N, C-alpha and C. Protein backbone atom coordinates (compact mmCIF):
# COMPACT_ATOMS: atom_id res chain seq x y z
N MET A 1 -31.65 -17.77 -39.49
CA MET A 1 -31.24 -17.12 -40.73
C MET A 1 -32.47 -16.75 -41.54
N SER A 2 -32.39 -15.67 -42.24
CA SER A 2 -33.50 -15.25 -43.08
C SER A 2 -33.49 -16.06 -44.37
N SER A 3 -34.58 -15.98 -45.13
CA SER A 3 -34.64 -16.72 -46.40
C SER A 3 -33.58 -16.21 -47.37
N PHE A 4 -33.27 -14.90 -47.31
CA PHE A 4 -32.21 -14.36 -48.18
C PHE A 4 -30.86 -14.99 -47.84
N GLU A 5 -30.58 -15.12 -46.54
CA GLU A 5 -29.32 -15.73 -46.12
C GLU A 5 -29.26 -17.20 -46.51
N LEU A 6 -30.40 -17.90 -46.41
CA LEU A 6 -30.44 -19.30 -46.83
C LEU A 6 -30.20 -19.43 -48.33
N GLN A 7 -30.73 -18.49 -49.11
CA GLN A 7 -30.48 -18.50 -50.55
C GLN A 7 -29.00 -18.30 -50.82
N GLN A 8 -28.34 -17.44 -50.03
CA GLN A 8 -26.90 -17.23 -50.20
C GLN A 8 -26.14 -18.53 -49.93
N VAL A 9 -26.55 -19.26 -48.89
CA VAL A 9 -25.90 -20.52 -48.57
C VAL A 9 -26.14 -21.53 -49.69
N ASP A 10 -27.39 -21.60 -50.19
CA ASP A 10 -27.68 -22.50 -51.30
C ASP A 10 -26.81 -22.19 -52.51
N SER A 11 -26.67 -20.92 -52.83
CA SER A 11 -25.84 -20.56 -53.99
C SER A 11 -24.38 -20.86 -53.72
N LEU A 12 -23.96 -20.79 -52.46
CA LEU A 12 -22.58 -21.16 -52.12
C LEU A 12 -22.32 -22.60 -52.54
N TRP A 13 -23.23 -23.49 -52.18
CA TRP A 13 -23.00 -24.90 -52.51
C TRP A 13 -23.12 -25.14 -54.01
N GLU A 14 -24.04 -24.45 -54.66
CA GLU A 14 -24.14 -24.58 -56.12
C GLU A 14 -22.84 -24.14 -56.77
N ASP A 15 -22.28 -23.04 -56.30
CA ASP A 15 -21.01 -22.54 -56.85
C ASP A 15 -19.90 -23.56 -56.67
N GLN A 16 -19.92 -24.29 -55.58
CA GLN A 16 -18.82 -25.21 -55.28
C GLN A 16 -18.90 -26.52 -56.05
N THR A 17 -20.03 -26.80 -56.68
CA THR A 17 -20.18 -28.08 -57.36
C THR A 17 -20.03 -27.97 -58.87
N HIS A 18 -19.50 -26.87 -59.34
CA HIS A 18 -19.29 -26.70 -60.78
C HIS A 18 -18.29 -27.76 -61.26
N PRO A 19 -18.66 -28.60 -62.25
CA PRO A 19 -17.82 -29.74 -62.64
C PRO A 19 -16.47 -29.37 -63.25
N SER A 20 -16.33 -28.18 -63.78
CA SER A 20 -15.07 -27.85 -64.45
C SER A 20 -13.98 -27.43 -63.47
N ASP A 21 -14.33 -27.17 -62.22
CA ASP A 21 -13.34 -26.74 -61.23
C ASP A 21 -12.82 -27.95 -60.47
N THR A 22 -11.58 -28.32 -60.71
CA THR A 22 -11.03 -29.52 -60.08
C THR A 22 -10.00 -29.21 -59.01
N SER A 23 -9.74 -27.96 -58.75
CA SER A 23 -8.74 -27.58 -57.75
C SER A 23 -9.36 -27.61 -56.36
N SER A 24 -9.02 -28.63 -55.58
CA SER A 24 -9.64 -28.77 -54.26
C SER A 24 -9.25 -27.63 -53.33
N SER A 25 -8.01 -27.19 -53.36
CA SER A 25 -7.61 -26.10 -52.47
C SER A 25 -8.35 -24.81 -52.84
N HIS A 26 -8.58 -24.62 -54.13
CA HIS A 26 -9.33 -23.44 -54.58
C HIS A 26 -10.77 -23.50 -54.06
N ILE A 27 -11.38 -24.67 -54.11
CA ILE A 27 -12.76 -24.84 -53.66
C ILE A 27 -12.86 -24.55 -52.16
N VAL A 28 -11.93 -25.09 -51.39
CA VAL A 28 -11.95 -24.87 -49.94
C VAL A 28 -11.73 -23.39 -49.63
N ALA A 29 -10.76 -22.77 -50.29
CA ALA A 29 -10.47 -21.35 -50.05
C ALA A 29 -11.66 -20.47 -50.42
N GLU A 30 -12.28 -20.77 -51.56
CA GLU A 30 -13.43 -19.98 -52.00
C GLU A 30 -14.61 -20.17 -51.06
N SER A 31 -14.83 -21.39 -50.62
CA SER A 31 -15.91 -21.67 -49.68
C SER A 31 -15.71 -20.91 -48.38
N ARG A 32 -14.47 -20.93 -47.90
CA ARG A 32 -14.17 -20.23 -46.66
C ARG A 32 -14.44 -18.73 -46.81
N GLN A 33 -14.02 -18.16 -47.93
CA GLN A 33 -14.23 -16.73 -48.16
C GLN A 33 -15.72 -16.40 -48.21
N LYS A 34 -16.50 -17.24 -48.87
CA LYS A 34 -17.94 -16.99 -48.97
C LYS A 34 -18.61 -17.10 -47.60
N LEU A 35 -18.17 -18.05 -46.79
CA LEU A 35 -18.73 -18.18 -45.45
C LEU A 35 -18.40 -16.95 -44.60
N ILE A 36 -17.18 -16.46 -44.72
CA ILE A 36 -16.78 -15.25 -44.00
C ILE A 36 -17.61 -14.05 -44.45
N GLU A 37 -17.82 -13.93 -45.76
CA GLU A 37 -18.62 -12.82 -46.29
C GLU A 37 -20.06 -12.90 -45.80
N LEU A 38 -20.61 -14.11 -45.78
CA LEU A 38 -21.97 -14.29 -45.29
C LEU A 38 -22.07 -13.88 -43.82
N TYR A 39 -21.09 -14.28 -43.03
CA TYR A 39 -21.06 -13.93 -41.61
C TYR A 39 -20.99 -12.41 -41.43
N LYS A 40 -20.14 -11.76 -42.21
CA LYS A 40 -20.01 -10.30 -42.13
C LYS A 40 -21.31 -9.61 -42.54
N ASP A 41 -21.95 -10.12 -43.60
CA ASP A 41 -23.22 -9.54 -44.05
C ASP A 41 -24.29 -9.66 -42.96
N CYS A 42 -24.35 -10.82 -42.31
CA CYS A 42 -25.34 -11.02 -41.25
C CYS A 42 -25.10 -10.04 -40.11
N SER A 43 -23.84 -9.88 -39.73
CA SER A 43 -23.51 -8.96 -38.63
C SER A 43 -23.81 -7.52 -39.01
N LYS A 44 -23.46 -7.14 -40.24
CA LYS A 44 -23.72 -5.77 -40.70
C LYS A 44 -25.22 -5.49 -40.70
N ASN A 45 -26.01 -6.44 -41.19
CA ASN A 45 -27.46 -6.27 -41.21
C ASN A 45 -28.02 -6.12 -39.80
N PHE A 46 -27.49 -6.92 -38.87
CA PHE A 46 -27.95 -6.82 -37.48
C PHE A 46 -27.64 -5.45 -36.91
N ILE A 47 -26.43 -4.97 -37.12
CA ILE A 47 -26.01 -3.66 -36.59
C ILE A 47 -26.88 -2.55 -37.17
N GLU A 48 -27.07 -2.56 -38.49
CA GLU A 48 -27.88 -1.51 -39.13
C GLU A 48 -29.31 -1.54 -38.62
N HIS A 49 -29.87 -2.73 -38.50
CA HIS A 49 -31.26 -2.86 -38.04
C HIS A 49 -31.39 -2.36 -36.60
N THR A 50 -30.45 -2.75 -35.74
CA THR A 50 -30.48 -2.33 -34.34
C THR A 50 -30.33 -0.82 -34.22
N GLU A 51 -29.39 -0.24 -34.97
CA GLU A 51 -29.21 1.21 -34.94
C GLU A 51 -30.47 1.94 -35.39
N ASN A 52 -31.12 1.43 -36.42
CA ASN A 52 -32.37 2.05 -36.90
C ASN A 52 -33.45 2.02 -35.82
N LEU A 53 -33.56 0.89 -35.12
CA LEU A 53 -34.55 0.78 -34.06
C LEU A 53 -34.26 1.76 -32.93
N ILE A 54 -32.99 1.91 -32.57
CA ILE A 54 -32.61 2.86 -31.52
C ILE A 54 -32.91 4.28 -31.97
N ASN A 55 -32.49 4.61 -33.18
CA ASN A 55 -32.69 5.97 -33.70
C ASN A 55 -34.17 6.33 -33.85
N ASN A 56 -35.01 5.34 -34.12
CA ASN A 56 -36.45 5.58 -34.28
C ASN A 56 -37.19 5.53 -32.94
N GLY A 57 -36.44 5.31 -31.86
CA GLY A 57 -37.06 5.24 -30.54
C GLY A 57 -37.81 3.95 -30.28
N GLN A 58 -37.61 2.94 -31.11
CA GLN A 58 -38.32 1.67 -30.95
C GLN A 58 -37.58 0.69 -30.05
N LEU A 59 -36.33 1.01 -29.70
CA LEU A 59 -35.52 0.11 -28.89
C LEU A 59 -34.66 0.94 -27.96
N SER A 60 -34.69 0.59 -26.68
CA SER A 60 -33.85 1.31 -25.72
C SER A 60 -32.42 0.81 -25.83
N THR A 61 -31.51 1.60 -25.30
CA THR A 61 -30.10 1.20 -25.31
C THR A 61 -29.91 -0.08 -24.51
N ALA A 62 -30.58 -0.19 -23.37
CA ALA A 62 -30.47 -1.39 -22.53
C ALA A 62 -30.95 -2.63 -23.29
N ASP A 63 -32.09 -2.49 -23.97
CA ASP A 63 -32.61 -3.61 -24.76
C ASP A 63 -31.69 -3.94 -25.93
N ALA A 64 -31.07 -2.91 -26.50
CA ALA A 64 -30.14 -3.13 -27.61
C ALA A 64 -28.92 -3.91 -27.13
N VAL A 65 -28.43 -3.58 -25.94
CA VAL A 65 -27.29 -4.31 -25.37
C VAL A 65 -27.66 -5.77 -25.16
N GLU A 66 -28.83 -6.01 -24.58
CA GLU A 66 -29.28 -7.39 -24.34
C GLU A 66 -29.43 -8.14 -25.67
N SER A 67 -30.04 -7.50 -26.64
CA SER A 67 -30.22 -8.11 -27.96
C SER A 67 -28.88 -8.42 -28.61
N THR A 68 -27.94 -7.52 -28.47
CA THR A 68 -26.61 -7.71 -29.06
C THR A 68 -25.89 -8.87 -28.40
N GLN A 69 -26.02 -8.99 -27.09
CA GLN A 69 -25.39 -10.11 -26.39
C GLN A 69 -25.96 -11.44 -26.87
N MET A 70 -27.27 -11.48 -27.08
CA MET A 70 -27.90 -12.70 -27.60
C MET A 70 -27.41 -12.97 -29.02
N HIS A 71 -27.28 -11.93 -29.83
CA HIS A 71 -26.81 -12.07 -31.20
C HIS A 71 -25.38 -12.62 -31.22
N ILE A 72 -24.53 -12.12 -30.34
CA ILE A 72 -23.15 -12.59 -30.27
C ILE A 72 -23.11 -14.07 -29.90
N GLY A 73 -23.90 -14.46 -28.92
CA GLY A 73 -23.96 -15.87 -28.52
C GLY A 73 -24.42 -16.74 -29.67
N SER A 74 -25.42 -16.28 -30.40
CA SER A 74 -25.91 -17.02 -31.56
C SER A 74 -24.84 -17.12 -32.64
N ASN A 75 -24.12 -16.02 -32.85
CA ASN A 75 -23.07 -16.02 -33.87
C ASN A 75 -21.94 -16.96 -33.52
N GLN A 76 -21.64 -17.09 -32.23
CA GLN A 76 -20.59 -18.02 -31.83
C GLN A 76 -20.96 -19.44 -32.25
N GLU A 77 -22.23 -19.79 -32.11
CA GLU A 77 -22.68 -21.11 -32.54
C GLU A 77 -22.59 -21.25 -34.06
N GLU A 78 -22.93 -20.18 -34.78
CA GLU A 78 -22.84 -20.21 -36.23
C GLU A 78 -21.40 -20.35 -36.69
N VAL A 79 -20.48 -19.66 -36.01
CA VAL A 79 -19.07 -19.77 -36.37
C VAL A 79 -18.60 -21.20 -36.19
N LYS A 80 -19.03 -21.85 -35.12
CA LYS A 80 -18.67 -23.26 -34.91
C LYS A 80 -19.17 -24.11 -36.07
N LYS A 81 -20.39 -23.83 -36.54
CA LYS A 81 -20.93 -24.58 -37.68
C LYS A 81 -20.10 -24.31 -38.93
N PHE A 82 -19.72 -23.04 -39.15
CA PHE A 82 -18.91 -22.71 -40.32
C PHE A 82 -17.57 -23.43 -40.27
N ILE A 83 -16.97 -23.51 -39.09
CA ILE A 83 -15.69 -24.21 -38.95
C ILE A 83 -15.86 -25.68 -39.28
N LYS A 84 -16.95 -26.28 -38.82
CA LYS A 84 -17.21 -27.68 -39.14
C LYS A 84 -17.40 -27.87 -40.64
N ILE A 85 -18.10 -26.95 -41.27
CA ILE A 85 -18.29 -27.03 -42.73
C ILE A 85 -16.95 -26.92 -43.44
N GLU A 86 -16.13 -25.97 -43.00
CA GLU A 86 -14.81 -25.79 -43.60
C GLU A 86 -13.96 -27.05 -43.43
N GLN A 87 -13.98 -27.64 -42.25
CA GLN A 87 -13.22 -28.87 -42.01
C GLN A 87 -13.74 -30.00 -42.89
N TRP A 88 -15.05 -30.08 -43.01
CA TRP A 88 -15.65 -31.12 -43.85
C TRP A 88 -15.21 -30.95 -45.30
N LEU A 89 -15.25 -29.70 -45.79
CA LEU A 89 -14.80 -29.44 -47.16
C LEU A 89 -13.34 -29.80 -47.35
N ALA A 90 -12.51 -29.42 -46.38
CA ALA A 90 -11.09 -29.73 -46.48
C ALA A 90 -10.87 -31.24 -46.53
N ASN A 91 -11.61 -31.98 -45.71
CA ASN A 91 -11.49 -33.44 -45.73
C ASN A 91 -12.03 -34.03 -47.03
N LEU A 92 -13.12 -33.46 -47.51
CA LEU A 92 -13.75 -33.95 -48.73
C LEU A 92 -12.84 -33.78 -49.93
N TYR A 93 -12.21 -32.60 -50.02
CA TYR A 93 -11.37 -32.30 -51.17
C TYR A 93 -9.88 -32.48 -50.89
N GLY A 94 -9.55 -32.80 -49.64
CA GLY A 94 -8.14 -32.87 -49.25
C GLY A 94 -7.50 -34.15 -49.64
């Protein structure tokens, strides 16, 4: 993850620890939504970056396919982590 993405994750946890919010289901739902948004942002950034490299002649289509397959494999691991975080939050506030 880039430092920008890590900052987004840090702000996610800061947002979730606001003392005035006592609704556990709201916290879990909001956390889930933010994790989904972060995942979508990461994927969108990857796609845009890869397309730019292809269009600029810096990356071949074959290399782009290989890179994308690696990205998908990496994302599958990240999704597993997000699910664990979501389950942890649900247990914590459940």
